[in-house]
């Protein structure tokens, strides 16, 4: 039987203004009693009073951490529904210990990241970045190229994350050979996704384009280091839409500055790079300001996912995109 849970929104004010619209509030209002306004902090008397009656907390970028004291102030809280990807910044062990369910819109956010990755993989195969640079330098003189192209090129996918899996699916219609490395995914499952399972070193040995989709965890920080980068063939492209720190920044910078490798980096370490960093001026490097994720009208996917999850909670149904302690160990 459907109930109408009390819902409170918690996120930065800027996030509220950017993400929350009347359509989202109307959808929440169809299945829940939504408290007006947004919580940017949990310590004031007004915030604590709001938490005391909250059953579902709808969170967004900038939500403060849900510490043990915050959870104690919310005795009726049964679910946290996040309107973005990772919940690592605000969901603490106290939430799991209290038996509070957690959901995120990571699957919805994976869609534009995968689309961005597909686009830059195909552009990398055509050597578009270098061609555009040379074209501008010569002021339009025709370029004769006898290398590159996407027919039969090998694309290596590092990790079968939500984004990694979707990228493999988007690459399927193209005349490319797709490799995938993920130590947690059986070979049969990799083949079912449409990729060839390979070991980590083989992934780097064979890839023309290497696309990083590994979540940043303590064990993955600096995973892609100098030794692996050195295994990439001359002229290969490194695409990173995951987290900058998964790739050793010093090793990557050395390879890109030398001109041996090419890079399409939507994330860096640090982010953004210092103003005097050498990668800003490299013709073989495309730096973008973390734009692969949801922007503009794509944000509606995130709120639609969150609204659906609140509806499932109200109807007594399990979340479609539940986050658990176990799944969080190997995901963003």
C-alpha atoms as a PDB file:
ATOM      1  CA  UNK A   1       0.000   0.000   0.000  1.00  0.00           C
ATOM      2  CA  UNK A   2       1.303   3.430  -0.959  1.00  0.00           C
ATOM      3  CA  UNK A   3       2.087   5.922   1.812  1.00  0.00           C
ATOM      4  CA  UNK A   4       3.129   9.534   1.545  1.00  0.00           C
ATOM      5  CA  UNK A   5       6.540   9.832   3.166  1.00  0.00           C
ATOM      6  CA  UNK A   6       7.820  13.147   4.461  1.00  0.00           C
ATOM      7  CA  UNK A   7      10.575  14.323   2.125  1.00  0.00           C
ATOM      8  CA  UNK A   8      13.242  16.939   2.810  1.00  0.00           C
ATOM      9  CA  UNK A   9      15.753  18.254   0.282  1.00  0.00           C
ATOM     10  CA  UNK A  10      19.393  18.681   1.361  1.00  0.00           C
ATOM     11  CA  UNK A  11      22.037  20.173  -0.914  1.00  0.00           C
ATOM     12  CA  UNK A  12      23.901  23.383  -1.621  1.00  0.00           C
ATOM     13  CA  UNK A  13      21.661  26.318  -2.540  1.00  0.00           C
ATOM     14  CA  UNK A  14      23.451  26.616  -5.878  1.00  0.00           C
ATOM     15  CA  UNK A  15      22.671  22.958  -6.576  1.00  0.00           C
ATOM     16  CA  UNK A  16      19.027  23.486  -5.680  1.00  0.00           C
ATOM     17  CA  UNK A  17      18.799  26.421  -8.094  1.00  0.00           C
ATOM     18  CA  UNK A  18      20.541  24.449 -10.839  1.00  0.00           C
ATOM     19  CA  UNK A  19      18.939  21.030 -10.493  1.00  0.00           C
ATOM     20  CA  UNK A  20      15.523  21.366  -8.842  1.00  0.00           C
ATOM     21  CA  UNK A  21      12.667  22.586 -11.026  1.00  0.00           C
ATOM     22  CA  UNK A  22       8.896  22.675 -10.719  1.00  0.00           C
ATOM     23  CA  UNK A  23       8.479  19.456 -12.702  1.00  0.00           C
ATOM     24  CA  UNK A  24      10.671  17.595 -10.196  1.00  0.00           C
ATOM     25  CA  UNK A  25       8.854  19.100  -7.206  1.00  0.00           C
ATOM     26  CA  UNK A  26       5.494  18.265  -8.771  1.00  0.00           C
ATOM     27  CA  UNK A  27       6.559  14.656  -9.316  1.00  0.00           C
ATOM     28  CA  UNK A  28       7.719  14.377  -5.718  1.00  0.00           C
ATOM     29  CA  UNK A  29       4.480  15.979  -4.566  1.00  0.00           C
ATOM     30  CA  UNK A  30       2.443  13.291  -6.299  1.00  0.00           C
ATOM     31  CA  UNK A  31       3.835  10.590  -4.003  1.00  0.00           C
ATOM     32  CA  UNK A  32       5.224  12.400  -0.959  1.00  0.00           C
ATOM     33  CA  UNK A  33       4.789  15.346   1.370  1.00  0.00           C
ATOM     34  CA  UNK A  34       7.656  17.642   0.443  1.00  0.00           C
ATOM     35  CA  UNK A  35       8.884  20.146   2.996  1.00  0.00           C
ATOM     36  CA  UNK A  36       9.479  23.624   1.515  1.00  0.00           C
ATOM     37  CA  UNK A  37      12.996  24.938   1.049  1.00  0.00           C
ATOM     38  CA  UNK A  38      16.322  23.148   1.177  1.00  0.00           C
ATOM     39  CA  UNK A  39      18.715  22.225   3.981  1.00  0.00           C
ATOM     40  CA  UNK A  40      22.285  23.419   3.451  1.00  0.00           C
ATOM     41  CA  UNK A  41      23.340  22.422   6.969  1.00  0.00           C
ATOM     42  CA  UNK A  42      22.096  20.107   9.689  1.00  0.00           C
ATOM     43  CA  UNK A  43      23.096  21.867  12.895  1.00  0.00           C
ATOM     44  CA  UNK A  44      20.634  24.754  13.270  1.00  0.00           C
ATOM     45  CA  UNK A  45      17.415  24.354  15.304  1.00  0.00           C
ATOM     46  CA  UNK A  46      15.356  24.722  12.121  1.00  0.00           C
ATOM     47  CA  UNK A  47      17.364  22.032  10.327  1.00  0.00           C
ATOM     48  CA  UNK A  48      17.164  19.663  13.275  1.00  0.00           C
ATOM     49  CA  UNK A  49      13.410  20.197  13.487  1.00  0.00           C
ATOM     50  CA  UNK A  50      13.079  19.366   9.778  1.00  0.00           C
ATOM     51  CA  UNK A  51      15.206  16.238  10.170  1.00  0.00           C
ATOM     52  CA  UNK A  52      13.128  15.021  13.104  1.00  0.00           C
ATOM     53  CA  UNK A  53      10.130  14.393  10.860  1.00  0.00           C
ATOM     54  CA  UNK A  54      11.947  13.368   7.670  1.00  0.00           C
ATOM     55  CA  UNK A  55      11.508   9.881   6.239  1.00  0.00           C
ATOM     56  CA  UNK A  56      13.255  10.436   2.901  1.00  0.00           C
ATOM     57  CA  UNK A  57      16.172  12.804   2.408  1.00  0.00           C
ATOM     58  CA  UNK A  58      16.629  13.841  -1.222  1.00  0.00           C
ATOM     59  CA  UNK A  59      20.234  14.964  -1.531  1.00  0.00           C
ATOM     60  CA  UNK A  60      22.368  16.715  -4.120  1.00  0.00           C
ATOM     61  CA  UNK A  61      25.821  18.140  -4.672  1.00  0.00           C
ATOM     62  CA  UNK A  62      26.965  19.976  -1.550  1.00  0.00           C
ATOM     63  CA  UNK A  63      24.898  17.978   0.924  1.00  0.00           C
ATOM     64  CA  UNK A  64      26.701  17.990   4.296  1.00  0.00           C
ATOM     65  CA  UNK A  65      27.920  14.631   5.673  1.00  0.00           C
ATOM     66  CA  UNK A  66      25.256  12.497   7.324  1.00  0.00           C
ATOM     67  CA  UNK A  67      27.213  11.902  10.514  1.00  0.00           C
ATOM     68  CA  UNK A  68      26.086   9.830  13.473  1.00  0.00           C
ATOM     69  CA  UNK A  69      24.725  12.946  15.198  1.00  0.00           C
ATOM     70  CA  UNK A  70      22.739  13.916  12.101  1.00  0.00           C
ATOM     71  CA  UNK A  71      21.294  10.418  11.836  1.00  0.00           C
ATOM     72  CA  UNK A  72      20.387  10.578  15.535  1.00  0.00           C
ATOM     73  CA  UNK A  73      18.485  13.804  14.849  1.00  0.00           C
ATOM     74  CA  UNK A  74      16.473  12.002  12.157  1.00  0.00           C
ATOM     75  CA  UNK A  75      14.892   9.019  13.960  1.00  0.00           C
ATOM     76  CA  UNK A  76      12.266   8.508  11.225  1.00  0.00           C
ATOM     77  CA  UNK A  77      14.765   8.612   8.336  1.00  0.00           C
ATOM     78  CA  UNK A  78      14.467   5.496   6.191  1.00  0.00           C
ATOM     79  CA  UNK A  79      15.986   6.480   2.844  1.00  0.00           C
ATOM     80  CA  UNK A  80      18.539   8.784   1.219  1.00  0.00           C
ATOM     81  CA  UNK A  81      17.896   9.419  -2.478  1.00  0.00           C
ATOM     82  CA  UNK A  82      20.759  11.207  -4.222  1.00  0.00           C
ATOM     83  CA  UNK A  83      20.165  13.315  -7.336  1.00  0.00           C
ATOM     84  CA  UNK A  84      23.742  12.832  -8.546  1.00  0.00           C
ATOM     85  CA  UNK A  85      26.359  10.094  -8.832  1.00  0.00           C
ATOM     86  CA  UNK A  86      28.640   9.193  -5.967  1.00  0.00           C
ATOM     87  CA  UNK A  87      27.308   9.222  -2.411  1.00  0.00           C
ATOM     88  CA  UNK A  88      30.783   8.992  -0.876  1.00  0.00           C
ATOM     89  CA  UNK A  89      30.888  12.674   0.041  1.00  0.00           C
ATOM     90  CA  UNK A  90      27.877  12.617   2.335  1.00  0.00           C
ATOM     91  CA  UNK A  91      26.788   9.068   3.196  1.00  0.00           C
ATOM     92  CA  UNK A  92      28.792   7.878   6.201  1.00  0.00           C
ATOM     93  CA  UNK A  93      28.903   4.472   7.971  1.00  0.00           C
ATOM     94  CA  UNK A  94      26.287   5.800  10.398  1.00  0.00           C
ATOM     95  CA  UNK A  95      23.713   5.678   7.595  1.00  0.00           C
ATOM     96  CA  UNK A  96      24.332   1.999   6.868  1.00  0.00           C
ATOM     97  CA  UNK A  97      24.446   1.147  10.569  1.00  0.00           C
ATOM     98  CA  UNK A  98      21.000   2.692  11.020  1.00  0.00           C
ATOM     99  CA  UNK A  99      19.599   0.516   8.248  1.00  0.00           C
ATOM    100  CA  UNK A 100      18.782   3.505   6.050  1.00  0.00           C
ATOM    101  CA  UNK A 101      18.381   2.685   2.360  1.00  0.00           C
ATOM    102  CA  UNK A 102      20.461   4.621  -0.173  1.00  0.00           C
ATOM    103  CA  UNK A 103      19.909   5.256  -3.863  1.00  0.00           C
ATOM    104  CA  UNK A 104      21.818   7.351  -6.386  1.00  0.00           C
ATOM    105  CA  UNK A 105      21.349   8.681  -9.909  1.00  0.00           C
ATOM    106  CA  UNK A 106      24.757   7.373 -10.996  1.00  0.00           C
ATOM    107  CA  UNK A 107      23.193   5.300 -13.768  1.00  0.00           C
ATOM    108  CA  UNK A 108      21.489   8.391 -15.184  1.00  0.00           C
ATOM    109  CA  UNK A 109      24.694  10.405 -14.960  1.00  0.00           C
ATOM    110  CA  UNK A 110      26.567   7.649 -16.814  1.00  0.00           C
ATOM    111  CA  UNK A 111      24.611   8.372 -19.994  1.00  0.00           C
ATOM    112  CA  UNK A 112      26.224  11.713 -20.982  1.00  0.00           C
ATOM    113  CA  UNK A 113      29.669  10.570 -19.792  1.00  0.00           C
ATOM    114  CA  UNK A 114      29.478   7.574 -22.103  1.00  0.00           C
ATOM    115  CA  UNK A 115      28.231   9.737 -24.982  1.00  0.00           C
ATOM    116  CA  UNK A 116      31.133  12.144 -24.459  1.00  0.00           C
ATOM    117  CA  UNK A 117      33.557   9.223 -24.392  1.00  0.00           C
ATOM    118  CA  UNK A 118      32.185   7.759 -27.613  1.00  0.00           C
ATOM    119  CA  UNK A 119      32.563  11.116 -29.339  1.00  0.00           C
ATOM    120  CA  UNK A 120      36.170  11.688 -28.287  1.00  0.00           C
ATOM    121  CA  UNK A 121      37.179   8.087 -29.026  1.00  0.00           C
ATOM    122  CA  UNK A 122      35.997   8.478 -32.611  1.00  0.00           C
ATOM    123  CA  UNK A 123      37.610  11.909 -32.918  1.00  0.00           C
ATOM    124  CA  UNK A 124      40.862  10.521 -31.530  1.00  0.00           C
ATOM    125  CA  UNK A 125      40.910   7.811 -34.182  1.00  0.00           C
ATOM    126  CA  UNK A 126      40.557  10.459 -36.897  1.00  0.00           C
ATOM    127  CA  UNK A 127      43.348  12.527 -35.288  1.00  0.00           C
ATOM    128  CA  UNK A 128      40.971  15.493 -35.283  1.00  0.00           C
ATOM    129  CA  UNK A 129      42.757  17.419 -32.534  1.00  0.00           C
ATOM    130  CA  UNK A 130      46.117  17.355 -34.286  1.00  0.00           C
ATOM    131  CA  UNK A 131      44.573  17.990 -37.698  1.00  0.00           C
ATOM    132  CA  UNK A 132      42.708  21.047 -36.423  1.00  0.00           C
ATOM    133  CA  UNK A 133      45.899  22.428 -34.861  1.00  0.00           C
ATOM    134  CA  UNK A 134      47.944  21.936 -38.016  1.00  0.00           C
ATOM    135  CA  UNK A 135      45.113  23.276 -40.177  1.00  0.00           C
ATOM    136  CA  UNK A 136      45.068  26.476 -38.132  1.00  0.00           C
ATOM    137  CA  UNK A 137      48.856  26.846 -38.266  1.00  0.00           C
ATOM    138  CA  UNK A 138      48.912  26.493 -42.065  1.00  0.00           C
ATOM    139  CA  UNK A 139      45.831  28.691 -42.440  1.00  0.00           C
ATOM    140  CA  UNK A 140      43.894  26.128 -44.406  1.00  0.00           C
ATOM    141  CA  UNK A 141      46.467  24.364 -46.553  1.00  0.00           C
ATOM    142  CA  UNK A 142      45.273  20.800 -47.244  1.00  0.00           C
ATOM    143  CA  UNK A 143      46.811  18.086 -45.089  1.00  0.00           C
ATOM    144  CA  UNK A 144      47.716  14.730 -46.531  1.00  0.00           C
ATOM    145  CA  UNK A 145      47.443  12.052 -43.853  1.00  0.00           C
ATOM    146  CA  UNK A 146      48.294   8.408 -44.287  1.00  0.00           C
ATOM    147  CA  UNK A 147      47.788   7.297 -40.684  1.00  0.00           C
ATOM    148  CA  UNK A 148      44.910   7.038 -38.273  1.00  0.00           C
ATOM    149  CA  UNK A 149      41.286   6.172 -38.933  1.00  0.00           C
ATOM    150  CA  UNK A 150      38.729   4.159 -36.989  1.00  0.00           C
ATOM    151  CA  UNK A 151      38.365   1.070 -39.170  1.00  0.00           C
ATOM    152  CA  UNK A 152      39.520  -1.852 -37.075  1.00  0.00           C
ATOM    153  CA  UNK A 153      41.103   0.336 -34.391  1.00  0.00           C
ATOM    154  CA  UNK A 154      41.424  -1.128 -30.903  1.00  0.00           C
ATOM    155  CA  UNK A 155      39.776   0.654 -27.993  1.00  0.00           C
ATOM    156  CA  UNK A 156      40.728  -0.395 -24.481  1.00  0.00           C
ATOM    157  CA  UNK A 157      38.228   0.122 -21.665  1.00  0.00           C
ATOM    158  CA  UNK A 158      39.656   0.179 -18.161  1.00  0.00           C
ATOM    159  CA  UNK A 159      36.914  -1.015 -15.766  1.00  0.00           C
ATOM    160  CA  UNK A 160      33.371  -2.206 -16.330  1.00  0.00           C
ATOM    161  CA  UNK A 161      31.823   0.601 -14.317  1.00  0.00           C
ATOM    162  CA  UNK A 162      28.395   1.933 -15.226  1.00  0.00           C
ATOM    163  CA  UNK A 163      30.058   4.293 -17.672  1.00  0.00           C
ATOM    164  CA  UNK A 164      32.508   1.694 -18.939  1.00  0.00           C
ATOM    165  CA  UNK A 165      29.710  -0.749 -19.705  1.00  0.00           C
ATOM    166  CA  UNK A 166      27.680   1.879 -21.501  1.00  0.00           C
ATOM    167  CA  UNK A 167      30.706   2.945 -23.544  1.00  0.00           C
ATOM    168  CA  UNK A 168      31.206  -0.653 -24.670  1.00  0.00           C
ATOM    169  CA  UNK A 169      27.561  -0.741 -25.730  1.00  0.00           C
ATOM    170  CA  UNK A 170      27.837   2.538 -27.652  1.00  0.00           C
ATOM    171  CA  UNK A 171      30.972   1.348 -29.426  1.00  0.00           C
ATOM    172  CA  UNK A 172      29.212  -1.814 -30.618  1.00  0.00           C
ATOM    173  CA  UNK A 173      27.846  -0.456 -33.972  1.00  0.00           C
ATOM    174  CA  UNK A 174      31.266   0.830 -35.026  1.00  0.00           C
ATOM    175  CA  UNK A 175      34.035  -1.087 -36.815  1.00  0.00           C
ATOM    176  CA  UNK A 176      36.243  -1.181 -33.748  1.00  0.00           C
ATOM    177  CA  UNK A 177      37.762  -3.912 -31.620  1.00  0.00           C
ATOM    178  CA  UNK A 178      36.958  -3.378 -27.948  1.00  0.00           C
ATOM    179  CA  UNK A 179      39.059  -4.724 -25.090  1.00  0.00           C
ATOM    180  CA  UNK A 180      37.960  -4.613 -21.457  1.00  0.00           C
ATOM    181  CA  UNK A 181      39.867  -5.145 -18.248  1.00  0.00           C
ATOM    182  CA  UNK A 182      38.118  -5.426 -14.910  1.00  0.00           C
ATOM    183  CA  UNK A 183      39.418  -7.868 -12.281  1.00  0.00           C
ATOM    184  CA  UNK A 184      35.973  -8.146 -10.681  1.00  0.00           C
ATOM    185  CA  UNK A 185      34.055  -9.157 -13.826  1.00  0.00           C
ATOM    186  CA  UNK A 186      34.160 -12.752 -15.168  1.00  0.00           C
ATOM    187  CA  UNK A 187      35.392 -13.242 -18.734  1.00  0.00           C
ATOM    188  CA  UNK A 188      32.035 -14.618 -19.841  1.00  0.00           C
ATOM    189  CA  UNK A 189      30.294 -11.459 -18.663  1.00  0.00           C
ATOM    190  CA  UNK A 190      32.828  -9.265 -20.484  1.00  0.00           C
ATOM    191  CA  UNK A 191      32.176 -11.177 -23.714  1.00  0.00           C
ATOM    192  CA  UNK A 192      28.427 -10.824 -23.186  1.00  0.00           C
ATOM    193  CA  UNK A 193      28.931  -7.072 -22.949  1.00  0.00           C
ATOM    194  CA  UNK A 194      30.561  -7.144 -26.383  1.00  0.00           C
ATOM    195  CA  UNK A 195      34.257  -6.859 -25.498  1.00  0.00           C
ATOM    196  CA  UNK A 196      37.312  -9.089 -25.338  1.00  0.00           C
ATOM    197  CA  UNK A 197      38.508  -9.727 -21.769  1.00  0.00           C
ATOM    198  CA  UNK A 198      42.212  -9.010 -21.297  1.00  0.00           C
ATOM    199  CA  UNK A 199      44.710  -8.546 -18.504  1.00  0.00           C
ATOM    200  CA  UNK A 200      45.851  -5.117 -17.419  1.00  0.00           C
ATOM    201  CA  UNK A 201      49.191  -5.097 -19.254  1.00  0.00           C
ATOM    202  CA  UNK A 202      47.655  -6.554 -22.409  1.00  0.00           C
ATOM    203  CA  UNK A 203      45.048  -3.788 -22.384  1.00  0.00           C
ATOM    204  CA  UNK A 204      47.812  -1.188 -22.628  1.00  0.00           C
ATOM    205  CA  UNK A 205      49.903  -3.217 -25.083  1.00  0.00           C
ATOM    206  CA  UNK A 206      47.113  -3.454 -27.663  1.00  0.00           C
ATOM    207  CA  UNK A 207      45.056  -0.261 -27.365  1.00  0.00           C
ATOM    208  CA  UNK A 208      45.055   2.564 -29.896  1.00  0.00           C
ATOM    209  CA  UNK A 209      42.758   4.481 -27.560  1.00  0.00           C
ATOM    210  CA  UNK A 210      42.750   3.741 -23.831  1.00  0.00           C
ATOM    211  CA  UNK A 211      39.672   5.013 -21.976  1.00  0.00           C
ATOM    212  CA  UNK A 212      39.740   5.162 -18.175  1.00  0.00           C
ATOM    213  CA  UNK A 213      36.505   4.412 -16.300  1.00  0.00           C
ATOM    214  CA  UNK A 214      37.907   3.283 -12.947  1.00  0.00           C
ATOM    215  CA  UNK A 215      36.409   4.760  -9.760  1.00  0.00           C
ATOM    216  CA  UNK A 216      38.842   6.530  -7.450  1.00  0.00           C
ATOM    217  CA  UNK A 217      39.409   4.236  -4.483  1.00  0.00           C
ATOM    218  CA  UNK A 218      42.430   3.941  -2.201  1.00  0.00           C
ATOM    219  CA  UNK A 219      43.638   0.959  -4.235  1.00  0.00           C
ATOM    220  CA  UNK A 220      43.116   2.659  -7.616  1.00  0.00           C
ATOM    221  CA  UNK A 221      44.876   5.957  -6.881  1.00  0.00           C
ATOM    222  CA  UNK A 222      47.785   6.137  -9.348  1.00  0.00           C
ATOM    223  CA  UNK A 223      46.771   2.797 -10.862  1.00  0.00           C
ATOM    224  CA  UNK A 224      47.807   3.955 -14.329  1.00  0.00           C
ATOM    225  CA  UNK A 225      51.467   4.732 -13.762  1.00  0.00           C
ATOM    226  CA  UNK A 226      54.608   5.190 -15.825  1.00  0.00           C
ATOM    227  CA  UNK A 227      55.068   1.478 -16.493  1.00  0.00           C
ATOM    228  CA  UNK A 228      51.592   1.012 -17.959  1.00  0.00           C
ATOM    229  CA  UNK A 229      51.680   4.245 -19.935  1.00  0.00           C
ATOM    230  CA  UNK A 230      55.028   3.193 -21.434  1.00  0.00           C
ATOM    231  CA  UNK A 231      53.352   0.064 -22.812  1.00  0.00           C
ATOM    232  CA  UNK A 232      50.987   2.115 -24.988  1.00  0.00           C
ATOM    233  CA  UNK A 233      52.087   2.285 -28.602  1.00  0.00           C
ATOM    234  CA  UNK A 234      53.450   5.551 -29.977  1.00  0.00           C
ATOM    235  CA  UNK A 235      50.594   7.859 -30.954  1.00  0.00           C
ATOM    236  CA  UNK A 236      48.023   6.174 -28.710  1.00  0.00           C
ATOM    237  CA  UNK A 237      45.417   8.340 -26.982  1.00  0.00           C
ATOM    238  CA  UNK A 238      44.551   8.313 -23.283  1.00  0.00           C
ATOM    239  CA  UNK A 239      40.963   9.366 -22.525  1.00  0.00           C
ATOM    240  CA  UNK A 240      40.034  10.037 -18.903  1.00  0.00           C
ATOM    241  CA  UNK A 241      36.465  10.883 -17.900  1.00  0.00           C
ATOM    242  CA  UNK A 242      36.690   9.122 -14.516  1.00  0.00           C
ATOM    243  CA  UNK A 243      38.928  10.762 -11.902  1.00  0.00           C
ATOM    244  CA  UNK A 244      42.249  12.447 -12.519  1.00  0.00           C
ATOM    245  CA  UNK A 245      44.042  10.730  -9.647  1.00  0.00           C
ATOM    246  CA  UNK A 246      43.485   7.249 -11.131  1.00  0.00           C
ATOM    247  CA  UNK A 247      46.315   8.177 -13.510  1.00  0.00           C
ATOM    248  CA  UNK A 248      49.739   9.174 -12.171  1.00  0.00           C
ATOM    249  CA  UNK A 249      49.787  12.893 -13.098  1.00  0.00           C
ATOM    250  CA  UNK A 250      53.573  13.130 -13.365  1.00  0.00           C
ATOM    251  CA  UNK A 251      53.894  10.078 -15.579  1.00  0.00           C
ATOM    252  CA  UNK A 252      51.030  11.178 -17.826  1.00  0.00           C
ATOM    253  CA  UNK A 253      52.382  14.716 -18.133  1.00  0.00           C
ATOM    254  CA  UNK A 254      55.806  13.388 -19.143  1.00  0.00           C
ATOM    255  CA  UNK A 255      54.320  11.216 -21.891  1.00  0.00           C
ATOM    256  CA  UNK A 256      52.084  13.985 -23.210  1.00  0.00           C
ATOM    257  CA  UNK A 257      54.744  16.703 -23.142  1.00  0.00           C
ATOM    258  CA  UNK A 258      57.092  14.405 -25.050  1.00  0.00           C
ATOM    259  CA  UNK A 259      54.450  14.118 -27.748  1.00  0.00           C
ATOM    260  CA  UNK A 260      54.585  10.310 -27.731  1.00  0.00           C
ATOM    261  CA  UNK A 261      51.004   9.989 -26.488  1.00  0.00           C
ATOM    262  CA  UNK A 262      47.859  12.034 -26.999  1.00  0.00           C
ATOM    263  CA  UNK A 263      45.384  12.919 -24.293  1.00  0.00           C
ATOM    264  CA  UNK A 264      41.719  13.822 -23.918  1.00  0.00           C
ATOM    265  CA  UNK A 265      41.311  14.728 -20.268  1.00  0.00           C
ATOM    266  CA  UNK A 266      37.989  15.801 -18.807  1.00  0.00           C
ATOM    267  CA  UNK A 267      39.462  15.279 -15.336  1.00  0.00           C
ATOM    268  CA  UNK A 268      42.951  16.000 -14.019  1.00  0.00           C
ATOM    269  CA  UNK A 269      44.952  15.855 -10.816  1.00  0.00           C
ATOM    270  CA  UNK A 270      44.809  18.502  -9.476  1.00  0.00           C
ATOM    271  CA  UNK A 271      41.592  19.852 -10.937  1.00  0.00           C
ATOM    272  CA  UNK A 272      41.902  22.307 -12.504  1.00  0.00           C
ATOM    273  CA  UNK A 273      45.572  22.266 -13.409  1.00  0.00           C
ATOM    274  CA  UNK A 274      47.724  25.220 -12.310  1.00  0.00           C
ATOM    275  CA  UNK A 275      47.803  28.112 -14.776  1.00  0.00           C
ATOM    276  CA  UNK A 276      51.442  27.429 -15.650  1.00  0.00           C
ATOM    277  CA  UNK A 277      51.000  23.686 -16.224  1.00  0.00           C
ATOM    278  CA  UNK A 278      52.591  22.540 -19.509  1.00  0.00           C
ATOM    279  CA  UNK A 279      49.525  20.623 -20.692  1.00  0.00           C
ATOM    280  CA  UNK A 280      47.531  23.798 -21.315  1.00  0.00           C
ATOM    281  CA  UNK A 281      49.540  24.546 -24.445  1.00  0.00           C
ATOM    282  CA  UNK A 282      50.093  21.071 -25.876  1.00  0.00           C
ATOM    283  CA  UNK A 283      48.594  20.548 -29.366  1.00  0.00           C
ATOM    284  CA  UNK A 284      48.235  16.810 -28.634  1.00  0.00           C
ATOM    285  CA  UNK A 285      46.132  17.377 -25.503  1.00  0.00           C
ATOM    286  CA  UNK A 286      42.472  18.341 -25.173  1.00  0.00           C
ATOM    287  CA  UNK A 287      41.580  19.581 -21.691  1.00  0.00           C
ATOM    288  CA  UNK A 288      37.899  20.026 -20.866  1.00  0.00           C
ATOM    289  CA  UNK A 289      36.470  21.356 -17.575  1.00  0.00           C
ATOM    290  CA  UNK A 290      34.725  18.228 -16.246  1.00  0.00           C
ATOM    291  CA  UNK A 291      31.891  18.585 -18.764  1.00  0.00           C
ATOM    292  CA  UNK A 292      31.334  14.910 -19.595  1.00  0.00           C
ATOM    293  CA  UNK A 293      28.780  14.522 -16.800  1.00  0.00           C
ATOM    294  CA  UNK A 294      25.249  15.860 -16.756  1.00  0.00           C
ATOM    295  CA  UNK A 295      24.838  19.486 -17.860  1.00  0.00           C
ATOM    296  CA  UNK A 296      21.910  21.654 -18.879  1.00  0.00           C
ATOM    297  CA  UNK A 297      18.855  19.646 -19.858  1.00  0.00           C
ATOM    298  CA  UNK A 298      20.720  16.421 -19.014  1.00  0.00           C
ATOM    299  CA  UNK A 299      20.178  17.258 -15.345  1.00  0.00           C
ATOM    300  CA  UNK A 300      16.539  16.252 -15.824  1.00  0.00           C
ATOM    301  CA  UNK A 301      17.666  12.633 -16.089  1.00  0.00           C
ATOM    302  CA  UNK A 302      19.067  12.892 -12.561  1.00  0.00           C
ATOM    303  CA  UNK A 303      15.929  14.337 -11.013  1.00  0.00           C
ATOM    304  CA  UNK A 304      13.701  11.937 -12.953  1.00  0.00           C
ATOM    305  CA  UNK A 305      15.717   9.033 -11.543  1.00  0.00           C
ATOM    306  CA  UNK A 306      15.412  10.439  -8.013  1.00  0.00           C
ATOM    307  CA  UNK A 307      11.667  11.031  -8.384  1.00  0.00           C
ATOM    308  CA  UNK A 308      11.205   7.449  -9.582  1.00  0.00           C
ATOM    309  CA  UNK A 309      13.093   6.149  -6.556  1.00  0.00           C
ATOM    310  CA  UNK A 310      10.984   8.176  -4.121  1.00  0.00           C
ATOM    311  CA  UNK A 311       7.921   6.760  -5.846  1.00  0.00           C
ATOM    312  CA  UNK A 312       9.220   3.231  -5.360  1.00  0.00           C
ATOM    313  CA  UNK A 313       9.863   3.909  -1.681  1.00  0.00           C
ATOM    314  CA  UNK A 314       6.353   5.306  -1.243  1.00  0.00           C
ATOM    315  CA  UNK A 315       4.918   2.197  -2.889  1.00  0.00           C
ATOM    316  CA  UNK A 316       6.931  -0.127  -0.673  1.00  0.00           C
ATOM    317  CA  UNK A 317       9.069  -1.303  -3.586  1.00  0.00           C
ATOM    318  CA  UNK A 318      12.861  -1.784  -3.596  1.00  0.00           C
ATOM    319  CA  UNK A 319      15.061   0.856  -5.184  1.00  0.00           C
ATOM    320  CA  UNK A 320      16.055   0.338  -8.811  1.00  0.00           C
ATOM    321  CA  UNK A 321      19.457   1.946  -8.162  1.00  0.00           C
ATOM    322  CA  UNK A 322      20.288   0.954  -4.617  1.00  0.00           C
ATOM    323  CA  UNK A 323      23.724   1.683  -3.209  1.00  0.00           C
ATOM    324  CA  UNK A 324      25.013  -0.702  -0.565  1.00  0.00           C
ATOM    325  CA  UNK A 325      28.215  -0.934   1.437  1.00  0.00           C
ATOM    326  CA  UNK A 326      29.297  -3.823  -0.790  1.00  0.00           C
ATOM    327  CA  UNK A 327      28.653  -2.093  -4.096  1.00  0.00           C
ATOM    328  CA  UNK A 328      30.310   1.083  -2.842  1.00  0.00           C
ATOM    329  CA  UNK A 329      33.552  -0.812  -2.240  1.00  0.00           C
ATOM    330  CA  UNK A 330      34.100  -1.123  -5.995  1.00  0.00           C
ATOM    331  CA  UNK A 331      32.266   1.895  -7.375  1.00  0.00           C
ATOM    332  CA  UNK A 332      32.436   5.655  -7.318  1.00  0.00           C
END
